[in-house]
Amino acid sequence: MTRADSGIQAWPFSDLRLFTPGSGTDIFSLFLDPSCISDLLGILSARVASHPGRVDGVVGVESRGFLLGPMLAHSLRLPFVPVRKKGKLPGRVLAKEYELEYGHNTLEIQVESLSSERTA
């Protein structure tokens, strides 16, 4: 067990559903120990490295994805791409509506952040 494992309260860290909303996971306890963050970034970086050439960037979904996503992207020397709730991003966006148990919501991503648009 790594420090990251013990830093996440009541969560088997080998399961990467860590950022699933409603999971009941207290990921904020990780931030109390910088070595846990370092361990977690190392584990996630190793997962990405096991897929060479298949990862163009790190996408972080509001808001938990904004906590570690930029750090992971920086350590991998990849761009960070935020995905936010409707109306929060400037410029042209692509939107995807999804159902919730109590209604629906929409997430958006900037068109310019997609790799084919960045290189065009």
PDB file of N, CA and C in Angstrom:
ATOM      1  N   MET A   1       0.843  -1.177   0.000  1.00  0.00           N
ATOM      2  CA  MET A   1       0.000   0.000   0.000  1.00  0.00           C
ATOM      3  C   MET A   1       0.890   1.242   0.000  1.00  0.00           C
ATOM      4  N   THR A   2       0.574   2.178  -0.873  1.00  0.00           N
ATOM      5  CA  THR A   2       1.323   3.426  -0.930  1.00  0.00           C
ATOM      6  C   THR A   2       0.697   4.443   0.020  1.00  0.00           C
ATOM      7  N   ARG A   3       1.398   5.542   0.226  1.00  0.00           N
ATOM      8  CA  ARG A   3       0.835   6.617   1.039  1.00  0.00           C
ATOM      9  C   ARG A   3      -0.453   7.129   0.405  1.00  0.00           C
ATOM     10  N   ALA A   4      -0.516   7.094  -0.928  1.00  0.00           N
ATOM     11  CA  ALA A   4      -1.736   7.542  -1.596  1.00  0.00           C
ATOM     12  C   ALA A   4      -2.894   6.622  -1.237  1.00  0.00           C
ATOM     13  N   ASP A   5      -2.639   5.327  -1.144  1.00  0.00           N
ATOM     14  CA  ASP A   5      -3.697   4.396  -0.742  1.00  0.00           C
ATOM     15  C   ASP A   5      -4.237   4.764   0.629  1.00  0.00           C
ATOM     16  N   SER A   6      -3.364   4.981   1.569  1.00  0.00           N
ATOM     17  CA  SER A   6      -3.801   5.267   2.930  1.00  0.00           C
ATOM     18  C   SER A   6      -4.348   6.676   3.071  1.00  0.00           C
ATOM     19  N   GLY A   7      -4.010   7.558   2.130  1.00  0.00           N
ATOM     20  CA  GLY A   7      -4.472   8.935   2.195  1.00  0.00           C
ATOM     21  C   GLY A   7      -5.901   9.122   1.724  1.00  0.00           C
ATOM     22  N   ILE A   8      -6.440   8.144   1.028  1.00  0.00           N
ATOM     23  CA  ILE A   8      -7.818   8.240   0.555  1.00  0.00           C
ATOM     24  C   ILE A   8      -8.676   7.464   1.541  1.00  0.00           C
ATOM     25  N   GLN A   9      -9.571   8.131   2.172  1.00  0.00           N
ATOM     26  CA  GLN A   9     -10.372   7.499   3.201  1.00  0.00           C
ATOM     27  C   GLN A   9     -11.397   6.552   2.588  1.00  0.00           C
ATOM     28  N   ALA A  10     -11.385   5.310   3.076  1.00  0.00           N
ATOM     29  CA  ALA A  10     -12.375   4.297   2.703  1.00  0.00           C
ATOM     30  C   ALA A  10     -12.429   4.059   1.200  1.00  0.00           C
ATOM     31  N   TRP A  11     -11.280   3.912   0.582  1.00  0.00           N
ATOM     32  CA  TRP A  11     -11.284   3.716  -0.877  1.00  0.00           C
ATOM     33  C   TRP A  11     -10.178   2.771  -1.310  1.00  0.00           C
ATOM     34  N   PRO A  12     -10.503   1.718  -2.070  1.00  0.00           N
ATOM     35  CA  PRO A  12      -9.441   0.871  -2.633  1.00  0.00           C
ATOM     36  C   PRO A  12      -8.821   1.582  -3.833  1.00  0.00           C
ATOM     37  N   PHE A  13      -7.611   2.085  -3.681  1.00  0.00           N
ATOM     38  CA  PHE A  13      -7.022   2.957  -4.692  1.00  0.00           C
ATOM     39  C   PHE A  13      -6.795   2.281  -6.032  1.00  0.00           C
ATOM     40  N   SER A  14      -6.688   0.957  -6.059  1.00  0.00           N
ATOM     41  CA  SER A  14      -6.454   0.293  -7.330  1.00  0.00           C
ATOM     42  C   SER A  14      -7.624   0.514  -8.286  1.00  0.00           C
ATOM     43  N   ASP A  15      -8.757   0.930  -7.766  1.00  0.00           N
ATOM     44  CA  ASP A  15      -9.920   1.218  -8.591  1.00  0.00           C
ATOM     45  C   ASP A  15      -9.885   2.693  -8.952  1.00  0.00           C
ATOM     46  N   LEU A  16      -9.671   2.994 -10.230  1.00  0.00           N
ATOM     47  CA  LEU A  16      -9.520   4.392 -10.650  1.00  0.00           C
ATOM     48  C   LEU A  16     -10.837   5.129 -10.836  1.00  0.00           C
ATOM     49  N   ARG A  17     -11.902   4.622 -10.238  1.00  0.00           N
ATOM     50  CA  ARG A  17     -13.149   5.376 -10.244  1.00  0.00           C
ATOM     51  C   ARG A  17     -13.091   6.461  -9.174  1.00  0.00           C
ATOM     52  N   LEU A  18     -11.882   6.801  -8.776  1.00  0.00           N
ATOM     53  CA  LEU A  18     -11.632   7.779  -7.718  1.00  0.00           C
ATOM     54  C   LEU A  18     -12.431   9.056  -7.902  1.00  0.00           C
ATOM     55  N   PHE A  19     -12.588   9.492  -9.112  1.00  0.00           N
ATOM     56  CA  PHE A  19     -13.210  10.784  -9.358  1.00  0.00           C
ATOM     57  C   PHE A  19     -14.666  10.663  -9.768  1.00  0.00           C
ATOM     58  N   THR A  20     -15.294   9.522  -9.485  1.00  0.00           N
ATOM     59  CA  THR A  20     -16.694   9.332  -9.824  1.00  0.00           C
ATOM     60  C   THR A  20     -17.575  10.111  -8.854  1.00  0.00           C
ATOM     61  N   PRO A  21     -18.384  11.035  -9.347  1.00  0.00           N
ATOM     62  CA  PRO A  21     -19.271  11.778  -8.447  1.00  0.00           C
ATOM     63  C   PRO A  21     -20.176  10.828  -7.677  1.00  0.00           C
ATOM     64  N   GLY A  22     -20.410  11.145  -6.444  1.00  0.00           N
ATOM     65  CA  GLY A  22     -21.286  10.333  -5.619  1.00  0.00           C
ATOM     66  C   GLY A  22     -20.636   9.084  -5.069  1.00  0.00           C
ATOM     67  N   SER A  23     -19.323   8.957  -5.239  1.00  0.00           N
ATOM     68  CA  SER A  23     -18.643   7.751  -4.789  1.00  0.00           C
ATOM     69  C   SER A  23     -18.456   7.729  -3.280  1.00  0.00           C
ATOM     70  N   GLY A  24     -18.635   8.870  -2.634  1.00  0.00           N
ATOM     71  CA  GLY A  24     -18.435   8.942  -1.196  1.00  0.00           C
ATOM     72  C   GLY A  24     -16.968   8.979  -0.810  1.00  0.00           C
ATOM     73  N   THR A  25     -16.108   9.195  -1.779  1.00  0.00           N
ATOM     74  CA  THR A  25     -14.679   9.212  -1.535  1.00  0.00           C
ATOM     75  C   THR A  25     -14.229  10.591  -1.077  1.00  0.00           C
ATOM     76  N   ASP A  26     -13.421  10.623  -0.042  1.00  0.00           N
ATOM     77  CA  ASP A  26     -12.862  11.881   0.431  1.00  0.00           C
ATOM     78  C   ASP A  26     -11.481  12.040  -0.187  1.00  0.00           C
ATOM     79  N   ILE A  27     -11.415  12.603  -1.399  1.00  0.00           N
ATOM     80  CA  ILE A  27     -10.108  12.785  -2.032  1.00  0.00           C
ATOM     81  C   ILE A  27      -9.349  13.947  -1.422  1.00  0.00           C
ATOM     82  N   PHE A  28     -10.031  14.820  -0.708  1.00  0.00           N
ATOM     83  CA  PHE A  28      -9.374  15.988  -0.143  1.00  0.00           C
ATOM     84  C   PHE A  28      -8.386  15.619   0.944  1.00  0.00           C
ATOM     85  N   SER A  29      -8.565  14.454   1.544  1.00  0.00           N
ATOM     86  CA  SER A  29      -7.608  14.008   2.557  1.00  0.00           C
ATOM     87  C   SER A  29      -6.224  13.784   1.946  1.00  0.00           C
ATOM     88  N   LEU A  30      -6.167  13.526   0.640  1.00  0.00           N
ATOM     89  CA  LEU A  30      -4.878  13.380  -0.045  1.00  0.00           C
ATOM     90  C   LEU A  30      -4.031  14.643   0.064  1.00  0.00           C
ATOM     91  N   PHE A  31      -4.681  15.783   0.020  1.00  0.00           N
ATOM     92  CA  PHE A  31      -3.967  17.050  -0.030  1.00  0.00           C
ATOM     93  C   PHE A  31      -3.356  17.458   1.305  1.00  0.00           C
ATOM     94  N   LEU A  32      -3.630  16.680   2.338  1.00  0.00           N
ATOM     95  CA  LEU A  32      -3.022  16.947   3.637  1.00  0.00           C
ATOM     96  C   LEU A  32      -1.576  16.477   3.705  1.00  0.00           C
ATOM     97  N   ASP A  33      -1.196  15.596   2.785  1.00  0.00           N
ATOM     98  CA  ASP A  33       0.151  15.032   2.784  1.00  0.00           C
ATOM     99  C   ASP A  33       0.725  15.134   1.369  1.00  0.00           C
ATOM    100  N   PRO A  34       1.654  16.064   1.121  1.00  0.00           N
ATOM    101  CA  PRO A  34       2.218  16.227  -0.220  1.00  0.00           C
ATOM    102  C   PRO A  34       2.811  14.943  -0.795  1.00  0.00           C
ATOM    103  N   SER A  35       3.292  14.046   0.063  1.00  0.00           N
ATOM    104  CA  SER A  35       3.851  12.795  -0.461  1.00  0.00           C
ATOM    105  C   SER A  35       2.754  11.915  -1.059  1.00  0.00           C
ATOM    106  N   CYS A  36       1.527  12.037  -0.556  1.00  0.00           N
ATOM    107  CA  CYS A  36       0.407  11.292  -1.147  1.00  0.00           C
ATOM    108  C   CYS A  36       0.129  11.784  -2.562  1.00  0.00           C
ATOM    109  N   ILE A  37       0.165  13.098  -2.734  1.00  0.00           N
ATOM    110  CA  ILE A  37      -0.058  13.667  -4.061  1.00  0.00           C
ATOM    111  C   ILE A  37       1.029  13.183  -5.015  1.00  0.00           C
ATOM    112  N   SER A  38       2.253  13.192  -4.561  1.00  0.00           N
ATOM    113  CA  SER A  38       3.366  12.726  -5.372  1.00  0.00           C
ATOM    114  C   SER A  38       3.189  11.256  -5.759  1.00  0.00           C
ATOM    115  N   ASP A  39       2.807  10.427  -4.795  1.00  0.00           N
ATOM    116  CA  ASP A  39       2.560   9.006  -5.081  1.00  0.00           C
ATOM    117  C   ASP A  39       1.437   8.839  -6.098  1.00  0.00           C
ATOM    118  N   LEU A  40       0.352   9.563  -5.897  1.00  0.00           N
ATOM    119  CA  LEU A  40      -0.787   9.461  -6.800  1.00  0.00           C
ATOM    120  C   LEU A  40      -0.408   9.888  -8.216  1.00  0.00           C
ATOM    121  N   LEU A  41       0.315  10.997  -8.340  1.00  0.00           N
ATOM    122  CA  LEU A  41       0.750  11.444  -9.671  1.00  0.00           C
ATOM    123  C   LEU A  41       1.671  10.418 -10.315  1.00  0.00           C
ATOM    124  N   GLY A  42       2.510   9.771  -9.518  1.00  0.00           N
ATOM    125  CA  GLY A  42       3.378   8.718 -10.046  1.00  0.00           C
ATOM    126  C   GLY A  42       2.588   7.532 -10.562  1.00  0.00           C
ATOM    127  N   ILE A  43       1.553   7.135  -9.824  1.00  0.00           N
ATOM    128  CA  ILE A  43       0.703   6.004 -10.241  1.00  0.00           C
ATOM    129  C   ILE A  43      -0.038   6.350 -11.522  1.00  0.00           C
ATOM    130  N   LEU A  44      -0.643   7.541 -11.564  1.00  0.00           N
ATOM    131  CA  LEU A  44      -1.380   7.948 -12.758  1.00  0.00           C
ATOM    132  C   LEU A  44      -0.458   8.125 -13.956  1.00  0.00           C
ATOM    133  N   SER A  45       0.732   8.692 -13.743  1.00  0.00           N
ATOM    134  CA  SER A  45       1.704   8.860 -14.834  1.00  0.00           C
ATOM    135  C   SER A  45       2.125   7.509 -15.397  1.00  0.00           C
ATOM    136  N   ALA A  46       2.309   6.529 -14.530  1.00  0.00           N
ATOM    137  CA  ALA A  46       2.687   5.182 -14.981  1.00  0.00           C
ATOM    138  C   ALA A  46       1.575   4.568 -15.830  1.00  0.00           C
ATOM    139  N   ARG A  47       0.328   4.824 -15.442  1.00  0.00           N
ATOM    140  CA  ARG A  47      -0.798   4.314 -16.243  1.00  0.00           C
ATOM    141  C   ARG A  47      -0.778   4.920 -17.642  1.00  0.00           C
ATOM    142  N   VAL A  48      -0.540   6.218 -17.719  1.00  0.00           N
ATOM    143  CA  VAL A  48      -0.491   6.891 -19.017  1.00  0.00           C
ATOM    144  C   VAL A  48       0.700   6.388 -19.823  1.00  0.00           C
ATOM    145  N   ALA A  49       1.846   6.229 -19.170  1.00  0.00           N
ATOM    146  CA  ALA A  49       3.053   5.765 -19.864  1.00  0.00           C
ATOM    147  C   ALA A  49       2.887   4.357 -20.423  1.00  0.00           C
ATOM    148  N   SER A  50       1.966   3.592 -19.871  1.00  0.00           N
ATOM    149  CA  SER A  50       1.745   2.236 -20.373  1.00  0.00           C
ATOM    150  C   SER A  50       0.963   2.241 -21.692  1.00  0.00           C
ATOM    151  N   HIS A  51       0.580   3.420 -22.166  1.00  0.00           N
ATOM    152  CA  HIS A  51      -0.125   3.573 -23.446  1.00  0.00           C
ATOM    153  C   HIS A  51       0.611   4.581 -24.318  1.00  0.00           C
ATOM    154  N   PRO A  52       1.865   4.313 -24.690  1.00  0.00           N
ATOM    155  CA  PRO A  52       2.656   5.295 -25.434  1.00  0.00           C
ATOM    156  C   PRO A  52       2.001   5.693 -26.758  1.00  0.00           C
ATOM    157  N   GLY A  53       2.022   6.989 -27.026  1.00  0.00           N
ATOM    158  CA  GLY A  53       1.492   7.505 -28.287  1.00  0.00           C
ATOM    159  C   GLY A  53      -0.014   7.568 -28.358  1.00  0.00           C
ATOM    160  N   ARG A  54      -0.718   7.138 -27.327  1.00  0.00           N
ATOM    161  CA  ARG A  54      -2.180   7.116 -27.369  1.00  0.00           C
ATOM    162  C   ARG A  54      -2.808   8.236 -26.557  1.00  0.00           C
ATOM    163  N   VAL A  55      -2.011   9.011 -25.859  1.00  0.00           N
ATOM    164  CA  VAL A  55      -2.545  10.070 -25.010  1.00  0.00           C
ATOM    165  C   VAL A  55      -2.038  11.415 -25.532  1.00  0.00           C
ATOM    166  N   ASP A  56      -2.982  12.282 -25.905  1.00  0.00           N
ATOM    167  CA  ASP A  56      -2.640  13.601 -26.449  1.00  0.00           C
ATOM    168  C   ASP A  56      -2.766  14.712 -25.429  1.00  0.00           C
ATOM    169  N   GLY A  57      -3.454  14.444 -24.325  1.00  0.00           N
ATOM    170  CA  GLY A  57      -3.675  15.464 -23.326  1.00  0.00           C
ATOM    171  C   GLY A  57      -4.390  14.877 -22.124  1.00  0.00           C
ATOM    172  N   VAL A  58      -4.526  15.687 -21.106  1.00  0.00           N
ATOM    173  CA  VAL A  58      -5.226  15.290 -19.893  1.00  0.00           C
ATOM    174  C   VAL A  58      -6.492  16.123 -19.800  1.00  0.00           C
ATOM    175  N   VAL A  59      -7.630  15.451 -19.739  1.00  0.00           N
ATOM    176  CA  VAL A  59      -8.921  16.116 -19.637  1.00  0.00           C
ATOM    177  C   VAL A  59      -9.369  16.067 -18.186  1.00  0.00           C
ATOM    178  N   GLY A  60      -9.752  17.211 -17.657  1.00  0.00           N
ATOM    179  CA  GLY A  60     -10.268  17.288 -16.290  1.00  0.00           C
ATOM    180  C   GLY A  60     -11.678  17.810 -16.304  1.00  0.00           C
ATOM    181  N   VAL A  61     -12.597  17.046 -15.712  1.00  0.00           N
ATOM    182  CA  VAL A  61     -13.993  17.445 -15.658  1.00  0.00           C
ATOM    183  C   VAL A  61     -14.244  18.201 -14.359  1.00  0.00           C
ATOM    184  N   GLU A  62     -14.920  19.325 -14.483  1.00  0.00           N
ATOM    185  CA  GLU A  62     -15.248  20.181 -13.343  1.00  0.00           C
ATOM    186  C   GLU A  62     -15.884  19.362 -12.226  1.00  0.00           C
ATOM    187  N   SER A  63     -15.513  19.539 -11.054  1.00  0.00           N
ATOM    188  CA  SER A  63     -14.446  20.349 -10.524  1.00  0.00           C
ATOM    189  C   SER A  63     -13.307  19.496  -9.978  1.00  0.00           C
ATOM    190  N   ARG A  64     -13.587  18.237  -9.637  1.00  0.00           N
ATOM    191  CA  ARG A  64     -12.524  17.378  -9.100  1.00  0.00           C
ATOM    192  C   ARG A  64     -11.383  17.196 -10.084  1.00  0.00           C
ATOM    193  N   GLY A  65     -11.694  17.155 -11.349  1.00  0.00           N
ATOM    194  CA  GLY A  65     -10.663  16.981 -12.361  1.00  0.00           C
ATOM    195  C   GLY A  65      -9.701  18.142 -12.459  1.00  0.00           C
ATOM    196  N   PHE A  66     -10.077  19.291 -11.871  1.00  0.00           N
ATOM    197  CA  PHE A  66      -9.202  20.456 -11.885  1.00  0.00           C
ATOM    198  C   PHE A  66      -8.154  20.393 -10.778  1.00  0.00           C
ATOM    199  N   LEU A  67      -8.319  19.491  -9.841  1.00  0.00           N
ATOM    200  CA  LEU A  67      -7.383  19.402  -8.725  1.00  0.00           C
ATOM    201  C   LEU A  67      -6.079  18.722  -9.115  1.00  0.00           C
ATOM    202  N   LEU A  68      -6.171  17.571  -9.752  1.00  0.00           N
ATOM    203  CA  LEU A  68      -4.970  16.810 -10.122  1.00  0.00           C
ATOM    204  C   LEU A  68      -4.664  16.873 -11.611  1.00  0.00           C
ATOM    205  N   GLY A  69      -5.669  17.159 -12.428  1.00  0.00           N
ATOM    206  CA  GLY A  69      -5.474  17.169 -13.878  1.00  0.00           C
ATOM    207  C   GLY A  69      -4.343  18.059 -14.350  1.00  0.00           C
ATOM    208  N   PRO A  70      -4.292  19.325 -13.924  1.00  0.00           N
ATOM    209  CA  PRO A  70      -3.203  20.197 -14.373  1.00  0.00           C
ATOM    210  C   PRO A  70      -1.826  19.716 -13.905  1.00  0.00           C
ATOM    211  N   MET A  71      -1.764  19.185 -12.674  1.00  0.00           N
ATOM    212  CA  MET A  71      -0.475  18.674 -12.180  1.00  0.00           C
ATOM    213  C   MET A  71      -0.024  17.462 -12.986  1.00  0.00           C
ATOM    214  N   LEU A  72      -0.975  16.566 -13.292  1.00  0.00           N
ATOM    215  CA  LEU A  72      -0.650  15.379 -14.083  1.00  0.00           C
ATOM    216  C   LEU A  72      -0.215  15.788 -15.485  1.00  0.00           C
ATOM    217  N   ALA A  73      -0.961  16.707 -16.097  1.00  0.00           N
ATOM    218  CA  ALA A  73      -0.607  17.171 -17.442  1.00  0.00           C
ATOM    219  C   ALA A  73       0.792  17.782 -17.449  1.00  0.00           C
ATOM    220  N   HIS A  74       1.094  18.580 -16.450  1.00  0.00           N
ATOM    221  CA  HIS A  74       2.414  19.203 -16.370  1.00  0.00           C
ATOM    222  C   HIS A  74       3.513  18.139 -16.236  1.00  0.00           C
ATOM    223  N   SER A  75       3.297  17.157 -15.390  1.00  0.00           N
ATOM    224  CA  SER A  75       4.330  16.134 -15.192  1.00  0.00           C
ATOM    225  C   SER A  75       4.527  15.282 -16.436  1.00  0.00           C
ATOM    226  N   LEU A  76       3.494  15.158 -17.265  1.00  0.00           N
ATOM    227  CA  LEU A  76       3.583  14.370 -18.498  1.00  0.00           C
ATOM    228  C   LEU A  76       3.953  15.230 -19.713  1.00  0.00           C
ATOM    229  N   ARG A  77       4.076  16.539 -19.498  1.00  0.00           N
ATOM    230  CA  ARG A  77       4.364  17.486 -20.582  1.00  0.00           C
ATOM    231  C   ARG A  77       3.281  17.419 -21.673  1.00  0.00           C
ATOM    232  N   LEU A  78       2.032  17.360 -21.196  1.00  0.00           N
ATOM    233  CA  LEU A  78       0.871  17.314 -22.082  1.00  0.00           C
ATOM    234  C   LEU A  78      -0.035  18.489 -21.770  1.00  0.00           C
ATOM    235  N   PRO A  79      -0.877  18.884 -22.720  1.00  0.00           N
ATOM    236  CA  PRO A  79      -1.818  19.963 -22.431  1.00  0.00           C
ATOM    237  C   PRO A  79      -2.910  19.497 -21.472  1.00  0.00           C
ATOM    238  N   PHE A  80      -3.422  20.423 -20.676  1.00  0.00           N
ATOM    239  CA  PHE A  80      -4.572  20.161 -19.818  1.00  0.00           C
ATOM    240  C   PHE A  80      -5.794  20.759 -20.498  1.00  0.00           C
ATOM    241  N   VAL A  81      -6.865  19.992 -20.589  1.00  0.00           N
ATOM    242  CA  VAL A  81      -8.089  20.420 -21.251  1.00  0.00           C
ATOM    243  C   VAL A  81      -9.237  20.392 -20.241  1.00  0.00           C
ATOM    244  N   PRO A  82      -9.745  21.563 -19.861  1.00  0.00           N
ATOM    245  CA  PRO A  82     -10.863  21.579 -18.915  1.00  0.00           C
ATOM    246  C   PRO A  82     -12.199  21.291 -19.595  1.00  0.00           C
ATOM    247  N   VAL A  83     -13.038  20.552 -18.913  1.00  0.00           N
ATOM    248  CA  VAL A  83     -14.413  20.320 -19.333  1.00  0.00           C
ATOM    249  C   VAL A  83     -15.280  20.912 -18.232  1.00  0.00           C
ATOM    250  N   ARG A  84     -16.167  21.823 -18.642  1.00  0.00           N
ATOM    251  CA  ARG A  84     -16.930  22.570 -17.646  1.00  0.00           C
ATOM    252  C   ARG A  84     -18.429  22.500 -17.911  1.00  0.00           C
ATOM    253  N   LYS A  85     -19.174  22.953 -16.924  1.00  0.00           N
ATOM    254  CA  LYS A  85     -20.612  23.047 -17.074  1.00  0.00           C
ATOM    255  C   LYS A  85     -20.950  24.106 -18.121  1.00  0.00           C
ATOM    256  N   LYS A  86     -22.129  23.987 -18.688  1.00  0.00           N
ATOM    257  CA  LYS A  86     -22.591  24.854 -19.766  1.00  0.00           C
ATOM    258  C   LYS A  86     -22.434  26.335 -19.423  1.00  0.00           C
ATOM    259  N   GLY A  87     -21.856  27.075 -20.391  1.00  0.00           N
ATOM    260  CA  GLY A  87     -21.745  28.521 -20.269  1.00  0.00           C
ATOM    261  C   GLY A  87     -20.534  29.037 -19.523  1.00  0.00           C
ATOM    262  N   LYS A  88     -19.625  28.153 -19.097  1.00  0.00           N
ATOM    263  CA  LYS A  88     -18.471  28.580 -18.301  1.00  0.00           C
ATOM    264  C   LYS A  88     -17.205  28.794 -19.129  1.00  0.00           C
ATOM    265  N   LEU A  89     -17.146  28.235 -20.339  1.00  0.00           N
ATOM    266  CA  LEU A  89     -15.938  28.335 -21.168  1.00  0.00           C
ATOM    267  C   LEU A  89     -16.124  29.371 -22.270  1.00  0.00           C
ATOM    268  N   PRO A  90     -15.087  30.166 -22.545  1.00  0.00           N
ATOM    269  CA  PRO A  90     -15.172  31.124 -23.651  1.00  0.00           C
ATOM    270  C   PRO A  90     -14.935  30.430 -24.990  1.00  0.00           C
ATOM    271  N   GLY A  91     -15.289  31.117 -26.053  1.00  0.00           N
ATOM    272  CA  GLY A  91     -15.010  30.618 -27.396  1.00  0.00           C
ATOM    273  C   GLY A  91     -16.005  29.562 -27.854  1.00  0.00           C
ATOM    274  N   ARG A  92     -15.627  28.917 -28.973  1.00  0.00           N
ATOM    275  CA  ARG A  92     -16.483  27.861 -29.531  1.00  0.00           C
ATOM    276  C   ARG A  92     -16.377  26.610 -28.660  1.00  0.00           C
ATOM    277  N   VAL A  93     -17.504  25.977 -28.402  1.00  0.00           N
ATOM    278  CA  VAL A  93     -17.514  24.785 -27.560  1.00  0.00           C
ATOM    279  C   VAL A  93     -18.332  23.674 -28.211  1.00  0.00           C
ATOM    280  N   LEU A  94     -17.997  22.452 -27.828  1.00  0.00           N
ATOM    281  CA  LEU A  94     -18.831  21.299 -28.127  1.00  0.00           C
ATOM    282  C   LEU A  94     -19.531  20.951 -26.823  1.00  0.00           C
ATOM    283  N   ALA A  95     -20.814  20.617 -26.910  1.00  0.00           N
ATOM    284  CA  ALA A  95     -21.598  20.342 -25.711  1.00  0.00           C
ATOM    285  C   ALA A  95     -22.164  18.934 -25.752  1.00  0.00           C
ATOM    286  N   LYS A  96     -22.284  18.342 -24.572  1.00  0.00           N
ATOM    287  CA  LYS A  96     -22.889  17.017 -24.435  1.00  0.00           C
ATOM    288  C   LYS A  96     -23.822  17.047 -23.228  1.00  0.00           C
ATOM    289  N   GLU A  97     -25.088  16.811 -23.497  1.00  0.00           N
ATOM    290  CA  GLU A  97     -26.063  16.748 -22.411  1.00  0.00           C
ATOM    291  C   GLU A  97     -26.090  15.326 -21.860  1.00  0.00           C
ATOM    292  N   TYR A  98     -26.275  15.216 -20.565  1.00  0.00           N
ATOM    293  CA  TYR A  98     -26.375  13.897 -19.939  1.00  0.00           C
ATOM    294  C   TYR A  98     -27.461  13.918 -18.872  1.00  0.00           C
ATOM    295  N   GLU A  99     -27.963  12.745 -18.575  1.00  0.00           N
ATOM    296  CA  GLU A  99     -29.056  12.606 -17.621  1.00  0.00           C
ATOM    297  C   GLU A  99     -28.539  12.403 -16.205  1.00  0.00           C
ATOM    298  N   LEU A 100     -29.225  12.997 -15.274  1.00  0.00           N
ATOM    299  CA  LEU A 100     -28.992  12.798 -13.853  1.00  0.00           C
ATOM    300  C   LEU A 100     -30.245  12.148 -13.279  1.00  0.00           C
ATOM    301  N   GLU A 101     -30.152  11.603 -12.104  1.00  0.00           N
ATOM    302  CA  GLU A 101     -31.349  10.974 -11.529  1.00  0.00           C
ATOM    303  C   GLU A 101     -32.431  12.006 -11.244  1.00  0.00           C
ATOM    304  N   TYR A 102     -32.051  13.284 -11.135  1.00  0.00           N
ATOM    305  CA  TYR A 102     -33.011  14.340 -10.821  1.00  0.00           C
ATOM    306  C   TYR A 102     -33.170  15.350 -11.948  1.00  0.00           C
ATOM    307  N   GLY A 103     -32.692  15.038 -13.154  1.00  0.00           N
ATOM    308  CA  GLY A 103     -32.818  15.966 -14.268  1.00  0.00           C
ATOM    309  C   GLY A 103     -31.743  15.726 -15.311  1.00  0.00           C
ATOM    310  N   HIS A 104     -31.163  16.798 -15.822  1.00  0.00           N
ATOM    311  CA  HIS A 104     -30.100  16.694 -16.811  1.00  0.00           C
ATOM    312  C   HIS A 104     -29.120  17.848 -16.623  1.00  0.00           C
ATOM    313  N   ASN A 105     -27.977  17.721 -17.249  1.00  0.00           N
ATOM    314  CA  ASN A 105     -26.949  18.748 -17.202  1.00  0.00           C
ATOM    315  C   ASN A 105     -26.201  18.704 -18.520  1.00  0.00           C
ATOM    316  N   THR A 106     -25.346  19.688 -18.748  1.00  0.00           N
ATOM    317  CA  THR A 106     -24.567  19.754 -19.976  1.00  0.00           C
ATOM    318  C   THR A 106     -23.124  20.069 -19.633  1.00  0.00           C
ATOM    319  N   LEU A 107     -22.203  19.339 -20.271  1.00  0.00           N
ATOM    320  CA  LEU A 107     -20.774  19.627 -20.156  1.00  0.00           C
ATOM    321  C   LEU A 107     -20.281  20.157 -21.490  1.00  0.00           C
ATOM    322  N   GLU A 108     -19.281  21.051 -21.432  1.00  0.00           N
ATOM    323  CA  GLU A 108     -18.731  21.642 -22.658  1.00  0.00           C
ATOM    324  C   GLU A 108     -17.208  21.566 -22.645  1.00  0.00           C
ATOM    325  N   ILE A 109     -16.659  21.489 -23.860  1.00  0.00           N
ATOM    326  CA  ILE A 109     -15.214  21.501 -24.071  1.00  0.00           C
ATOM    327  C   ILE A 109     -14.933  22.502 -25.195  1.00  0.00           C
ATOM    328  N   GLN A 110     -13.850  23.255 -25.063  1.00  0.00           N
ATOM    329  CA  GLN A 110     -13.497  24.227 -26.102  1.00  0.00           C
ATOM    330  C   GLN A 110     -13.020  23.497 -27.357  1.00  0.00           C
ATOM    331  N   VAL A 111     -13.551  23.899 -28.491  1.00  0.00           N
ATOM    332  CA  VAL A 111     -13.176  23.292 -29.769  1.00  0.00           C
ATOM    333  C   VAL A 111     -11.678  23.417 -30.000  1.00  0.00           C
ATOM    334  N   GLU A 112     -11.115  24.578 -29.654  1.00  0.00           N
ATOM    335  CA  GLU A 112      -9.690  24.828 -29.892  1.00  0.00           C
ATOM    336  C   GLU A 112      -8.777  23.915 -29.073  1.00  0.00           C
ATOM    337  N   SER A 113      -9.314  23.311 -28.023  1.00  0.00           N
ATOM    338  CA  SER A 113      -8.491  22.452 -27.173  1.00  0.00           C
ATOM    339  C   SER A 113      -8.335  21.042 -27.736  1.00  0.00           C
ATOM    340  N   LEU A 114      -9.125  20.706 -28.735  1.00  0.00           N
ATOM    341  CA  LEU A 114      -9.025  19.375 -29.345  1.00  0.00           C
ATOM    342  C   LEU A 114      -7.816  19.335 -30.242  1.00  0.00           C
ATOM    343  N   SER A 115      -7.089  18.234 -30.246  1.00  0.00           N
ATOM    344  CA  SER A 115      -5.778  18.183 -30.895  1.00  0.00           C
ATOM    345  C   SER A 115      -5.816  18.549 -32.369  1.00  0.00           C
ATOM    346  N   SER A 116      -6.826  18.143 -33.116  1.00  0.00           N
ATOM    347  CA  SER A 116      -6.857  18.489 -34.536  1.00  0.00           C
ATOM    348  C   SER A 116      -7.067  19.985 -34.730  1.00  0.00           C
ATOM    349  N   GLU A 117      -7.767  20.633 -33.803  1.00  0.00           N
ATOM    350  CA  GLU A 117      -7.974  22.075 -33.881  1.00  0.00           C
ATOM    351  C   GLU A 117      -6.724  22.835 -33.453  1.00  0.00           C
ATOM    352  N   ARG A 118      -5.957  22.285 -32.492  1.00  0.00           N
ATOM    353  CA  ARG A 118      -4.750  22.966 -32.023  1.00  0.00           C
ATOM    354  C   ARG A 118      -3.688  23.008 -33.109  1.00  0.00           C
ATOM    355  N   THR A 119      -3.661  21.986 -33.946  1.00  0.00           N
ATOM    356  CA  THR A 119      -2.613  21.914 -34.961  1.00  0.00           C
ATOM    357  C   THR A 119      -3.056  22.496 -36.299  1.00  0.00           C
ATOM    358  N   ALA A 120      -4.338  22.854 -36.410  1.00  0.00           N
ATOM    359  CA  ALA A 120      -4.849  23.373 -37.672  1.00  0.00           C
ATOM    360  C   ALA A 120      -4.486  24.832 -37.854  1.00  0.00           C
TER     361      ALA A 120
END
